[in-house]
Protein backbone atom coordinates (compact mmCIF):
# COMPACT_ATOMS: atom_id res chain seq x y z
CA MET A 1 -86.71 -59.16 -16.59
CA PHE A 2 -86.51 -62.23 -16.93
CA LEU A 3 -84.08 -63.99 -19.97
CA GLY A 4 -84.74 -66.89 -22.27
CA SER A 5 -88.22 -68.04 -22.33
CA ILE A 6 -90.06 -71.62 -22.77
CA PRO A 7 -92.31 -70.33 -25.86
CA GLY A 8 -95.98 -69.57 -24.97
CA ASP A 9 -97.41 -72.55 -26.98
CA LEU A 10 -95.54 -74.61 -24.20
CA ARG A 11 -97.37 -72.27 -21.05
CA LYS A 12 -100.62 -72.93 -22.32
CA ILE A 13 -100.31 -76.59 -22.36
CA ILE A 14 -98.82 -76.70 -19.44
CA SER A 15 -101.23 -74.39 -17.30
CA GLU A 16 -104.13 -76.56 -19.21
CA TYR A 17 -102.71 -79.35 -18.09
CA VAL A 18 -101.73 -78.56 -13.86
CA LYS A 19 -105.57 -77.34 -13.36
CA ASP A 20 -106.61 -81.03 -12.71
CA TRP A 21 -103.19 -81.81 -10.73
CA ARG A 22 -104.23 -83.39 -7.06
CA CYS A 23 -100.90 -82.59 -5.39
CA GLN A 24 -100.39 -79.57 -3.39
CA ASP A 25 -96.26 -79.55 -3.90
CA VAL A 26 -94.79 -79.44 -7.38
CA PHE A 27 -91.39 -79.91 -8.28
CA VAL A 28 -89.58 -77.88 -11.15
CA GLY A 29 -86.40 -79.72 -12.41
CA CYS A 30 -83.66 -76.83 -14.76
CA SER A 31 -86.05 -74.01 -13.36
CA GLY A 32 -84.58 -71.64 -15.71
CA ASN A 33 -85.72 -68.44 -15.93
CA LEU A 34 -88.58 -69.53 -13.55
CA THR A 35 -91.30 -70.11 -16.93
CA VAL A 36 -92.60 -73.01 -15.31
CA GLU A 37 -92.95 -71.47 -11.64
CA ARG A 38 -94.08 -68.36 -12.91
CA VAL A 39 -97.42 -70.60 -14.87
CA LEU A 40 -97.76 -72.89 -11.87
CA ALA A 41 -97.85 -69.30 -9.53
CA SER A 42 -101.01 -68.24 -11.46
CA HIS A 43 -103.24 -71.15 -10.55
CA GLY A 44 -102.30 -70.58 -7.11
CA LYS A 45 -103.20 -73.57 -5.28
CA PHE A 46 -99.42 -75.61 -5.53
CA ARG A 47 -96.66 -75.03 -3.48
CA ILE A 48 -93.59 -74.69 -5.95
CA HIS A 49 -90.10 -75.82 -5.70
CA GLY A 50 -87.54 -74.72 -7.96
CA ASN A 51 -83.93 -75.94 -8.97
CA ASP A 52 -80.96 -75.36 -10.60
CA VAL A 53 -77.35 -75.06 -10.99
CA SER A 54 -76.53 -71.93 -13.45
CA ILE A 55 -74.70 -69.12 -11.24
CA TYR A 56 -78.43 -66.54 -12.60
CA THR A 57 -81.30 -68.86 -11.74
CA CYS A 58 -79.72 -70.07 -8.79
CA CYS A 59 -79.79 -66.14 -7.52
CA LEU A 60 -83.21 -65.31 -9.84
CA GLY A 61 -84.87 -69.01 -7.79
CA SER A 62 -83.19 -67.98 -4.03
CA TYR A 63 -84.82 -64.00 -3.92
CA PHE A 64 -88.06 -65.37 -5.18
CA ALA A 65 -88.09 -68.48 -2.40
CA GLN A 66 -86.06 -66.19 0.26
CA GLN A 67 -83.35 -68.13 0.90
CA SER A 68 -79.91 -66.07 1.64
CA PHE A 69 -77.31 -66.48 -1.88
CA ARG A 70 -73.70 -65.46 -1.62
CA LEU A 71 -72.68 -63.48 -4.48
CA ASP A 72 -69.00 -61.39 -3.87
CA VAL A 73 -67.71 -59.23 -6.83
CA ILE A 74 -64.24 -60.46 -7.85
CA HIS A 75 -62.94 -58.64 -10.97
CA ASP A 76 -60.67 -55.90 -9.78
CA GLU A 77 -62.38 -53.27 -12.68
CA PHE A 78 -65.87 -54.19 -10.88
CA GLN A 79 -65.66 -53.49 -7.57
CA TRP A 80 -68.17 -51.10 -7.90
CA LEU A 81 -71.07 -52.44 -8.36
CA ALA A 82 -70.42 -54.35 -4.25
CA GLU A 83 -72.34 -51.02 -3.78
CA TYR A 84 -75.27 -51.84 -5.52
CA MET A 85 -75.61 -55.58 -3.81
CA TYR A 86 -76.80 -54.86 -0.04
CA LYS A 87 -80.24 -55.55 0.01
CA PRO A 88 -81.36 -59.24 -1.06
CA ALA A 89 -83.58 -56.83 -4.51
CA ASP A 90 -79.91 -55.05 -5.56
CA GLN A 91 -77.98 -58.20 -5.55
CA LEU A 92 -80.29 -59.59 -8.24
CA ALA A 93 -80.98 -56.18 -10.15
CA THR A 94 -76.72 -56.18 -10.59
CA MET A 95 -76.91 -59.86 -10.79
CA MET A 96 -79.08 -59.59 -13.69
CA LEU A 97 -77.49 -56.48 -15.26
CA ALA A 98 -74.13 -57.93 -15.14
CA THR A 99 -75.35 -60.05 -17.79
CA ARG A 100 -75.52 -57.61 -20.89
CA LEU A 101 -71.89 -56.18 -18.83
CA ALA A 102 -70.54 -59.37 -19.29
CA GLU A 103 -70.55 -59.95 -22.39
CA LEU A 104 -68.35 -56.79 -23.16
CA LEU A 105 -65.50 -58.66 -21.30
CA GLY A 106 -62.30 -59.07 -22.95
CA LYS A 107 -63.72 -56.47 -26.07
CA THR A 108 -61.79 -53.73 -26.93
CA THR A 109 -62.54 -52.50 -30.28
CA PRO A 110 -64.24 -48.41 -30.03
CA TYR A 111 -67.98 -48.94 -30.06
CA HIS A 112 -67.51 -51.49 -27.56
CA GLN A 113 -65.27 -49.42 -25.25
CA ARG A 114 -67.96 -46.90 -25.81
CA MET A 115 -71.04 -49.15 -24.44
CA MET A 116 -69.46 -50.37 -21.78
CA ASP A 117 -68.38 -46.40 -20.94
CA ALA A 118 -72.51 -46.25 -21.48
CA TYR A 119 -73.99 -48.92 -18.99
CA ILE A 120 -70.90 -47.52 -17.05
CA THR A 121 -73.02 -44.15 -17.20
CA GLN A 122 -76.35 -44.75 -17.32
CA TRP A 123 -75.85 -47.61 -14.24
CA PRO A 124 -77.48 -46.01 -11.72
CA THR A 125 -80.45 -45.13 -13.51
CA MET A 126 -80.63 -48.81 -15.24
CA HIS A 127 -79.90 -50.84 -11.60
CA ALA A 128 -82.85 -48.25 -10.05
CA GLN A 129 -85.22 -49.35 -12.61
CA THR A 130 -84.45 -53.23 -12.41
CA THR A 131 -84.94 -53.11 -8.51
CA GLU A 132 -87.98 -51.26 -9.11
CA ARG A 133 -89.16 -54.50 -11.46
CA ILE A 134 -88.55 -56.93 -8.70
CA THR A 135 -89.83 -55.71 -5.84
CA LYS A 136 -92.93 -55.64 -7.74
CA ALA A 137 -92.66 -59.15 -9.15
CA THR A 138 -95.81 -61.38 -7.20
CA LEU A 139 -93.79 -65.20 -7.89
CA SER A 140 -93.05 -67.02 -4.62
CA LEU A 141 -91.49 -70.13 -4.26
CA GLU A 142 -91.77 -72.98 -0.99
CA SER A 143 -88.29 -73.07 -1.55
CA PHE A 144 -85.47 -73.58 -3.83
CA PHE A 145 -82.84 -76.14 -4.26
CA CYS A 146 -78.80 -75.20 -6.19
CA GLY A 147 -77.61 -78.76 -7.14
CA ASP A 148 -77.60 -81.44 -9.22
CA VAL A 149 -81.73 -82.06 -10.20
CA LEU A 150 -80.80 -85.69 -9.81
CA ASP A 151 -80.42 -84.88 -5.91
CA PHE A 152 -83.20 -82.57 -6.98
CA VAL A 153 -85.40 -85.31 -7.93
CA GLN A 154 -84.26 -88.06 -5.27
CA ASN A 155 -85.07 -85.66 -2.36
CA ALA A 156 -88.80 -84.77 -3.54
CA THR A 157 -91.23 -87.44 -1.99
CA GLU A 158 -93.27 -89.41 -4.62
CA ASP A 159 -96.82 -87.87 -4.26
CA VAL A 160 -95.21 -84.59 -5.40
CA GLY A 161 -96.31 -83.28 -8.93
CA PHE A 162 -92.63 -82.76 -11.02
CA ILE A 163 -92.24 -81.35 -13.97
CA THR A 164 -88.59 -80.58 -16.06
CA PHE A 165 -87.57 -79.09 -19.11
CA PRO A 166 -83.92 -80.09 -19.14
CA PRO A 167 -81.65 -77.93 -21.28
CA PHE A 168 -81.08 -80.07 -24.97
CA TRP A 169 -77.36 -79.22 -25.53
CA LYS A 170 -74.76 -80.70 -23.81
CA GLY A 171 -72.80 -77.73 -21.50
CA GLY A 172 -74.93 -75.76 -22.73
CA TYR A 173 -75.64 -73.45 -19.51
CA GLU A 174 -71.39 -73.71 -19.13
CA ARG A 175 -71.17 -71.94 -22.26
CA MET A 176 -74.63 -69.55 -21.09
CA TRP A 177 -73.09 -68.08 -17.90
CA LYS A 178 -69.34 -69.16 -18.36
CA LYS A 179 -68.34 -64.69 -18.65
CA LEU A 180 -70.17 -64.15 -15.87
CA GLY A 181 -67.88 -66.59 -13.36
CA THR A 182 -65.14 -64.24 -14.56
CA LEU A 183 -67.52 -61.10 -12.70
CA PHE A 184 -68.74 -62.91 -9.17
CA ASP A 185 -67.62 -65.48 -6.58
CA TRP A 186 -71.21 -67.57 -5.46
CA ASP A 187 -71.43 -71.52 -3.52
CA GLU A 188 -71.59 -73.24 -6.82
CA SER A 189 -72.53 -76.81 -6.35
CA ALA A 190 -71.52 -80.23 -8.26
CA TYR A 191 -73.42 -81.31 -10.60
CA THR A 192 -73.23 -83.62 -13.70
CA VAL A 193 -73.37 -81.64 -17.50
CA LEU A 194 -76.70 -83.25 -19.05
CA ASP A 195 -75.95 -85.80 -21.86
CA GLU A 196 -78.92 -88.05 -23.37
CA SER A 197 -77.77 -90.65 -20.49
CA TYR A 198 -78.21 -88.95 -17.50
CA ILE A 199 -81.84 -87.28 -18.76
CA ASP A 200 -83.15 -90.63 -20.00
CA THR A 201 -82.04 -91.32 -16.05
CA LEU A 202 -83.76 -88.27 -14.93
CA PHE A 203 -87.05 -88.88 -17.31
CA GLN A 204 -87.14 -92.82 -15.75
CA GLN A 205 -87.00 -90.96 -12.22
CA VAL A 206 -89.68 -88.47 -12.66
CA THR A 207 -92.24 -90.83 -14.41
CA ASN A 208 -92.89 -92.20 -11.62
CA ARG A 209 -95.10 -90.09 -10.43
CA PRO A 210 -99.16 -89.56 -10.49
CA HIS A 211 -98.58 -86.12 -11.88
CA TRP A 212 -95.45 -85.30 -14.57
CA ILE A 213 -94.82 -83.39 -17.55
CA ILE A 214 -91.28 -84.08 -19.33
CA SER A 215 -90.46 -82.06 -22.62
CA ALA A 216 -87.62 -83.40 -25.36
CA ASN A 217 -85.54 -82.34 -28.39
CA ARG A 218 -86.29 -86.37 -29.36
CA GLN A 219 -89.15 -88.70 -29.64
CA LEU A 220 -88.62 -90.83 -26.48
CA ASP A 221 -89.82 -94.64 -27.90
CA ASP A 222 -89.94 -95.82 -23.82
CA TYR A 223 -92.88 -92.95 -23.05
CA ALA A 224 -95.12 -93.42 -26.60
CA ASP A 225 -97.74 -93.94 -24.77
CA TYR A 226 -97.79 -90.49 -22.86
CA LEU A 227 -96.74 -88.28 -25.89
CA ARG A 228 -99.52 -85.07 -25.56
CA GLY A 229 -98.33 -83.39 -28.33
CA SER A 230 -95.18 -81.44 -29.81
CA THR A 231 -94.64 -77.79 -30.30
CA GLN A 232 -92.41 -75.43 -32.57
CA THR A 233 -91.62 -71.55 -32.30
CA SER A 234 -90.78 -71.21 -35.65
CA ALA A 235 -89.99 -72.71 -39.41
CA ARG A 236 -86.14 -73.17 -37.70
CA GLY A 237 -87.07 -73.68 -34.36
CA VAL A 238 -86.41 -77.62 -32.92
CA THR A 239 -89.46 -79.19 -32.46
CA MET A 240 -90.52 -79.92 -28.44
CA TYR A 241 -92.20 -83.15 -27.61
CA VAL A 242 -93.96 -83.16 -24.32
CA TYR A 243 -95.18 -86.20 -22.70
CA ALA A 244 -97.23 -86.18 -19.69
CA SER A 245 -98.90 -88.61 -17.05
CA SER A 246 -102.13 -86.73 -18.37
CA GLY A 247 -103.75 -84.26 -20.54
CA LYS A 248 -105.74 -83.52 -24.51
CA SER A 249 -102.94 -83.88 -27.14
CA ARG A 250 -102.24 -80.90 -28.12
CA ILE A 251 -99.57 -80.36 -31.64
CA THR A 252 -98.59 -76.50 -32.42
CA LYS A 253 -96.82 -75.40 -35.59
CA PRO A 254 -95.48 -71.73 -36.17
CA THR A 255 -96.83 -69.74 -39.12
CA GLN A 256 -95.83 -67.01 -41.05
CA LYS A 257 -98.26 -63.95 -42.07
CA VAL A 258 -98.02 -62.86 -45.35
CA GLU A 259 -99.41 -59.65 -46.58
CA PRO A 260 -100.19 -58.58 -50.10
CA VAL A 261 -97.74 -56.15 -51.88
CA LYS A 262 -99.75 -54.24 -54.58
CA THR A 263 -96.84 -52.16 -56.09
CA PRO A 264 -95.70 -53.28 -59.33
CA HIS A 265 -92.74 -55.61 -59.80
CA LEU A 266 -90.76 -55.77 -62.67
CA THR A 267 -91.28 -58.32 -65.35
CA PRO A 268 -90.26 -59.82 -68.51
CA GLY A 269 -90.16 -56.91 -71.40
CA GLN A 270 -89.98 -54.09 -68.88
CA GLU A 271 -87.18 -51.29 -68.55
CA LEU A 272 -86.02 -50.01 -66.36
CA GLY A 273 -86.09 -46.99 -64.61
CA GLU A 274 -83.92 -44.16 -63.56
CA ARG A 275 -84.24 -43.57 -59.57
CA LEU A 276 -83.89 -46.49 -57.36
CA GLY A 277 -85.37 -46.45 -54.41
CA LEU A 278 -85.87 -48.31 -50.54
CA ALA A 279 -88.97 -48.45 -49.32
CA PRO A 280 -89.96 -50.39 -45.76
CA LEU A 281 -92.12 -53.24 -45.58
CA THR A 282 -94.21 -54.88 -43.51
CA GLN A 283 -92.86 -58.47 -41.80
CA GLY A 284 -96.19 -59.87 -43.87
CA GLN A 285 -95.46 -57.95 -47.13
CA PHE A 286 -91.72 -59.17 -47.20
CA ASN A 287 -92.92 -63.04 -46.48
CA ALA A 288 -95.12 -62.71 -49.93
CA LEU A 289 -92.14 -61.45 -51.28
CA ARG A 290 -89.72 -64.01 -50.02
CA ALA A 291 -92.05 -66.77 -50.40
CA ALA A 292 -92.95 -65.68 -54.37
CA TYR A 293 -89.22 -65.29 -55.11
CA ILE A 294 -87.12 -67.45 -53.72
CA HIS A 295 -87.55 -71.23 -54.60
CA ILE A 296 -84.90 -73.47 -51.93
CA PRO A 297 -85.69 -76.15 -49.37
CA MET A 298 -85.34 -73.88 -46.48
CA ALA A 299 -87.55 -73.34 -44.05
CA PRO A 300 -87.41 -69.18 -43.47
CA ALA A 301 -86.39 -67.22 -40.26
CA GLY A 302 -87.81 -64.09 -39.66
CA VAL A 303 -86.20 -60.37 -40.23
CA GLN A 304 -85.80 -57.56 -38.10
CA GLN A 305 -86.19 -54.43 -40.45
CA ALA A 306 -87.32 -55.45 -44.69
CA ILE A 307 -87.30 -53.33 -47.46
CA ALA A 308 -88.13 -53.56 -50.60
CA VAL A 309 -85.69 -51.61 -53.42
CA THR A 310 -87.65 -49.98 -56.31
CA VAL A 311 -86.73 -48.25 -59.48
CA ASP A 312 -89.15 -45.45 -60.31
CA GLY A 313 -91.27 -47.33 -57.56
CA VAL A 314 -91.29 -50.51 -59.45
CA ILE A 315 -90.35 -53.36 -56.95
CA ILE A 316 -86.91 -54.87 -58.30
CA GLY A 317 -86.13 -56.69 -54.88
CA ALA A 318 -85.90 -57.12 -51.26
CA TYR A 319 -83.81 -57.52 -48.31
CA GLY A 320 -84.17 -58.38 -44.32
CA LEU A 321 -81.33 -58.09 -41.65
CA VAL A 322 -81.58 -58.98 -38.15
CA THR A 323 -79.17 -58.13 -34.74
CA PRO A 324 -76.38 -61.00 -35.02
CA ASN A 325 -75.84 -62.80 -32.19
CA SER A 326 -72.30 -61.06 -30.50
CA PHE A 327 -70.76 -58.65 -32.72
CA ALA A 328 -67.29 -61.32 -32.91
CA GLY A 329 -66.00 -63.55 -34.62
CA PHE A 330 -65.05 -61.89 -37.93
CA SER A 331 -62.43 -60.09 -39.39
CA ILE A 332 -64.63 -57.04 -40.01
CA THR A 333 -65.73 -53.00 -39.44
CA GLU A 334 -67.84 -53.49 -36.24
CA PRO A 335 -70.80 -52.89 -35.61
CA TYR A 336 -72.39 -54.99 -38.53
CA LEU A 337 -75.72 -56.66 -39.10
CA TYR A 338 -76.93 -59.61 -40.18
CA MET A 339 -78.02 -59.62 -44.07
CA MET A 340 -80.79 -62.88 -42.79
CA SER A 341 -81.91 -62.72 -46.92
CA ASP A 342 -81.83 -60.68 -49.77
CA PHE A 343 -82.98 -61.35 -53.50
CA ALA A 344 -84.13 -59.90 -56.86
CA VAL A 345 -87.58 -60.50 -58.89
CA SER A 346 -87.56 -62.73 -61.78
CA PRO A 347 -88.59 -63.33 -64.36
CA THR A 348 -86.81 -60.26 -66.26
CA ASP A 349 -85.05 -58.91 -68.66
CA TYR A 350 -82.03 -57.87 -66.32
CA PRO A 351 -80.18 -61.54 -65.50
CA ARG A 352 -77.67 -59.27 -62.99
CA LEU A 353 -80.99 -57.65 -61.01
CA SER A 354 -79.71 -59.22 -57.72
CA LYS A 355 -76.39 -57.11 -58.16
CA LEU A 356 -78.53 -54.44 -57.97
CA VAL A 357 -80.40 -55.45 -54.97
CA LEU A 358 -76.61 -55.73 -53.34
CA TYR A 359 -75.55 -52.00 -54.79
CA ALA A 360 -79.33 -50.70 -53.00
CA VAL A 361 -77.86 -52.27 -49.53
CA LEU A 362 -74.75 -51.19 -49.39
CA SER A 363 -75.53 -47.61 -49.91
CA ARG A 364 -75.72 -44.45 -47.78
CA GLU A 365 -79.34 -43.90 -48.02
CA ALA A 366 -79.18 -47.81 -46.68
CA GLN A 367 -77.49 -47.58 -43.88
CA GLN A 368 -79.47 -44.09 -42.79
CA LEU A 369 -82.56 -46.28 -42.89
CA MET A 370 -80.13 -49.60 -40.79
CA GLN A 371 -78.81 -46.18 -38.08
CA ARG A 372 -82.04 -45.16 -37.83
CA PHE A 373 -84.36 -48.71 -37.02
CA TYR A 374 -81.90 -50.08 -34.86
CA SER A 375 -80.80 -46.29 -33.17
CA ARG A 376 -77.28 -47.04 -33.73
CA ARG A 377 -73.97 -47.13 -35.55
CA VAL A 378 -74.21 -49.77 -38.62
CA ARG A 379 -70.55 -50.09 -40.23
CA SER A 380 -71.07 -52.75 -42.11
CA LEU A 381 -73.19 -56.23 -43.10
CA VAL A 382 -72.70 -60.10 -43.22
CA THR A 383 -74.70 -62.88 -44.80
CA THR A 384 -74.54 -66.09 -45.60
CA ALA A 385 -74.32 -67.73 -48.84
CA PHE A 386 -75.65 -71.69 -49.59
CA ALA A 387 -73.62 -72.78 -52.58
CA LYS A 388 -72.93 -75.46 -54.68
CA ASN A 389 -69.14 -74.34 -55.27
CA PRO A 390 -66.82 -72.37 -53.76
CA VAL A 391 -67.34 -68.82 -54.40
CA SER A 392 -70.86 -67.01 -54.48
CA MET A 393 -70.76 -65.49 -57.72
CA LYS A 394 -73.26 -62.69 -56.97
CA TYR A 395 -71.39 -61.24 -54.17
CA ARG A 396 -68.62 -61.64 -55.27
CA GLY A 397 -66.71 -57.63 -56.11
CA LEU A 398 -68.97 -56.90 -53.67
CA PHE A 399 -68.90 -58.28 -50.47
CA ARG A 400 -65.65 -59.93 -49.14
CA LEU A 401 -65.52 -64.01 -48.54
CA LEU A 402 -65.22 -63.83 -44.81
CA SER A 403 -64.97 -67.76 -43.90
CA ARG A 404 -65.48 -70.75 -45.67
CA LYS A 405 -67.07 -74.61 -44.80
CA GLU A 406 -68.25 -77.18 -45.86
CA THR A 407 -71.51 -78.93 -46.14
CA ASP A 408 -73.40 -82.24 -47.29
CA ASP A 409 -74.43 -80.07 -50.60
CA GLY A 410 -71.89 -77.60 -50.88
CA TYR A 411 -70.67 -75.16 -48.73
CA ALA A 412 -71.81 -72.49 -46.78
CA LEU A 413 -70.10 -69.02 -47.11
CA ASN A 414 -69.93 -65.43 -44.99
CA TYR A 415 -69.67 -63.13 -46.42
CA GLY A 416 -68.96 -59.39 -45.62
CA ALA A 417 -68.97 -55.96 -46.41
CA GLU A 418 -69.01 -52.28 -45.43
CA VAL A 419 -72.26 -50.31 -45.78
CA GLY A 420 -72.37 -45.89 -46.94
CA GLN A 421 -70.29 -46.14 -50.08
CA TRP A 422 -71.81 -45.03 -52.27
CA THR A 423 -74.97 -42.55 -53.18
CA LEU A 424 -78.55 -44.62 -54.30
CA ALA A 425 -78.09 -43.02 -57.55
CA ASP A 426 -74.29 -43.63 -58.10
CA GLY A 427 -74.11 -47.17 -57.08
CA PHE A 428 -77.18 -47.51 -60.08
CA GLU A 429 -74.39 -46.05 -62.58
CA ILE A 430 -72.09 -48.41 -61.78
CA TRP A 431 -74.22 -50.92 -61.88
CA LYS A 432 -75.74 -50.22 -64.93
CA LYS A 433 -71.82 -49.70 -66.55
CA LYS A 434 -70.76 -53.29 -64.65
CA HIS A 435 -74.03 -55.68 -64.98
CA GLY A 436 -76.71 -53.40 -66.75
CA ASN A 437 -76.46 -55.75 -69.84
CA LYS A 438 -80.09 -56.51 -71.05
CA ASN A 439 -81.77 -60.42 -71.90
CA HIS A 440 -84.35 -60.79 -73.84
CA HIS A 441 -87.23 -63.56 -73.63
CA GLY A 442 -88.48 -64.68 -76.29
């Protein structure tokens, strides 16, 4: 029901630390999606006070604190939303669903128009379901303050507990909820955009209390004696350092699940067969193959759909796909998916085997698997190559260069291509003619 989340490991740390707190009131600065409040509520012994400045969180917090919240529709094309805002729970459901609706504003492609039409058609059902979930929620707040977190701290007495996990990136809130501001008007309070200096001042005022927990994406030298641990949700995730007035040390690190792949892999001296195929993989199997055949100093990321590319049942490579953050930003046929990783097995007698993996990826059969897995149309793929040179020979000829950015080690190259260009059989024949020459390993 709520957008975003504090990682599960960090929620467990919070719950462990607060169970021994000897205070009745706990103030939560920068409440976000009320995750900390829900952890506190599970203990059943605190009066909880929340705070934030975003339209999303202030609407949430005001509802669960049973405070009034003004939310008026200002977009001419969406005045019909007002019919779903008579009661507090209805108003909150409308705002929450509108976070998805707002993402489509200003986008005029046929895909985005179909998405908009679908949301409008399904709105009564989705709104009723969301309202029901809201009314069943048991969270209760003593109060919620819509305003600057420093004002919130200064209004709290020194005998209360205080928890705050401020946003790490300056202006992050503003970017996240900007589009909601084109739909609704509300009583927004003045506040200072957080930066490191402001956060340091906040921490100074929080930590003069007997019970407190703070977290930052950097180590804080002034609070070194209070460092209780760190948590990281994924290999590419930000490390969050946890400081607290008391509690045992806790360090959590991401683990990668690996499962055996019993299907044989192409080896040196082995001839390719005649039938190119695709086979679904579990995340663990994909992780095992990727670890075996990709040797780059980069933390692996998870994928949603993982596929092995085979020839006569022998694995010659694999690829993994994820949903992009948004269908925008690239000059390519939408909607598209992001190819997180693709690779060929090695060593083999075929120096351009990675090209065959790409031919398989762009096939009609691969497109059908994508659309079946994601339950929607897929027109294109986008991927990123990190290379020493300004062009990637691996993708050249099959993918179009969309953007190029210089990095410390070379270039970050975004490539895109339409899927469904040929059948697996036809793609295999094209590859044989263009790239099927062999090298022999002596």
